[in-house]
Amino acid sequence: MFATIHIMASSRLPAAALTLKQFIQRQKVLSLYRNMMRTIRQVPDEGDRKYLRDWARDEFKRNKNSTNQDAIRMMITQANMHHDELQSSLALANVKK
């Protein structure tokens, strides 16, 4: 028993370490956030750009502490759809010029 306690105490992982699944999901969310911000930078109108940037930041901040894996997957799917719609709108706007 003493050996088990000693091994647990000497672990280098913090008590709140992420599981592999959580780590991968976190990386997906961070990548999505970066991609969203890059896409928003391409919006030509400054007012629209600011609105979209503030909206995206607020959405990600509001859901920052979510822990339900199913809800997080759903939010990632919705954010991907919003990102795709924004990219499509920008592509159409560039074609019309």
Protein backbone atom coordinates (compact mmCIF):
# COMPACT_ATOMS: atom_id res chain seq x y z
CA MET A 1 0.00 0.00 0.00
CA PHE A 2 2.82 2.42 0.80
CA ALA A 3 4.28 1.82 -2.68
CA THR A 4 0.96 2.71 -4.33
CA ILE A 5 0.68 5.95 -2.38
CA HIS A 6 4.29 6.80 -3.18
CA ILE A 7 3.76 6.17 -6.93
CA MET A 8 0.62 8.30 -6.97
CA ALA A 9 2.37 11.11 -5.12
CA SER A 10 5.31 11.11 -7.50
CA SER A 11 3.18 11.36 -10.66
CA ARG A 12 4.17 14.32 -12.78
CA LEU A 13 0.69 14.87 -14.15
CA PRO A 14 -1.39 17.52 -12.42
CA ALA A 15 -4.53 16.31 -10.71
CA ALA A 16 -6.69 18.08 -13.32
CA ALA A 17 -4.90 16.67 -16.39
CA LEU A 18 -7.03 16.25 -19.50
CA THR A 19 -7.82 12.86 -20.93
CA LEU A 20 -6.63 12.21 -24.48
CA LYS A 21 -10.18 12.69 -25.79
CA GLN A 22 -10.51 16.01 -23.95
CA PHE A 23 -7.10 17.15 -25.18
CA ILE A 24 -7.99 16.39 -28.81
CA GLN A 25 -11.34 18.10 -28.44
CA ARG A 26 -9.65 21.16 -26.92
CA GLN A 27 -7.25 21.30 -29.87
CA LYS A 28 -10.21 21.16 -32.28
CA VAL A 29 -11.89 24.07 -30.49
CA LEU A 30 -8.70 26.16 -30.47
CA SER A 31 -8.09 25.44 -34.15
CA LEU A 32 -11.68 26.35 -34.98
CA TYR A 33 -11.35 29.62 -33.04
CA ARG A 34 -8.14 30.54 -34.89
CA ASN A 35 -9.68 29.67 -38.27
CA MET A 36 -12.79 31.69 -37.46
CA MET A 37 -10.70 34.74 -36.53
CA ARG A 38 -8.60 34.40 -39.71
CA THR A 39 -11.74 34.23 -41.83
CA ILE A 40 -13.29 37.20 -40.05
CA ARG A 41 -10.18 39.26 -40.91
CA GLN A 42 -11.16 38.88 -44.57
CA VAL A 43 -14.52 40.64 -44.09
CA PRO A 44 -14.20 43.92 -46.00
CA ASP A 45 -16.46 46.15 -43.88
CA GLU A 46 -14.87 47.23 -40.58
CA GLY A 47 -18.21 47.38 -38.75
CA ASP A 48 -19.19 43.88 -39.85
CA ARG A 49 -15.71 42.61 -38.99
CA LYS A 50 -15.93 44.04 -35.46
CA TYR A 51 -19.43 42.64 -34.96
CA LEU A 52 -18.39 39.14 -36.09
CA ARG A 53 -15.19 39.20 -34.04
CA ASP A 54 -17.08 40.24 -30.89
CA TRP A 55 -19.81 37.68 -31.55
CA ALA A 56 -17.30 34.83 -32.02
CA ARG A 57 -15.32 35.79 -28.91
CA ASP A 58 -18.47 36.01 -26.82
CA GLU A 59 -19.71 32.61 -28.02
CA PHE A 60 -16.41 30.89 -27.28
CA LYS A 61 -16.09 32.61 -23.88
CA ARG A 62 -19.68 31.79 -22.95
CA ASN A 63 -19.08 28.10 -23.57
CA LYS A 64 -15.55 28.01 -22.18
CA ASN A 65 -16.43 26.01 -19.07
CA SER A 66 -18.70 23.45 -20.73
CA THR A 67 -17.87 19.89 -19.73
CA ASN A 68 -20.63 17.83 -21.35
CA GLN A 69 -18.87 16.03 -24.21
CA ASP A 70 -22.04 15.70 -26.30
CA ALA A 71 -22.83 19.40 -25.94
CA ILE A 72 -19.25 20.31 -26.87
CA ARG A 73 -19.42 18.14 -30.00
CA MET A 74 -22.68 19.84 -30.96
CA MET A 75 -21.16 23.30 -30.43
CA ILE A 76 -18.13 22.36 -32.56
CA THR A 77 -20.47 21.21 -35.34
CA GLN A 78 -22.49 24.43 -35.15
CA ALA A 79 -19.33 26.58 -35.13
CA ASN A 80 -18.01 24.69 -38.17
CA MET A 81 -21.29 25.37 -39.98
CA HIS A 82 -21.07 29.09 -39.13
CA HIS A 83 -17.46 29.15 -40.32
CA ASP A 84 -18.39 27.44 -43.59
CA GLU A 85 -21.27 29.89 -44.13
CA LEU A 86 -18.97 32.83 -43.54
CA GLN A 87 -16.40 31.46 -45.98
CA SER A 88 -19.13 30.89 -48.59
CA SER A 89 -20.45 34.41 -48.14
CA LEU A 90 -16.97 35.86 -48.52
CA ALA A 91 -16.35 33.76 -51.64
CA LEU A 92 -19.64 34.96 -53.17
CA ALA A 93 -18.83 38.58 -52.30
CA ASN A 94 -15.45 38.27 -54.01
CA VAL A 95 -17.00 36.71 -57.14
CA LYS A 96 -19.51 39.55 -57.49
CA LYS A 97 -16.75 42.20 -57.57
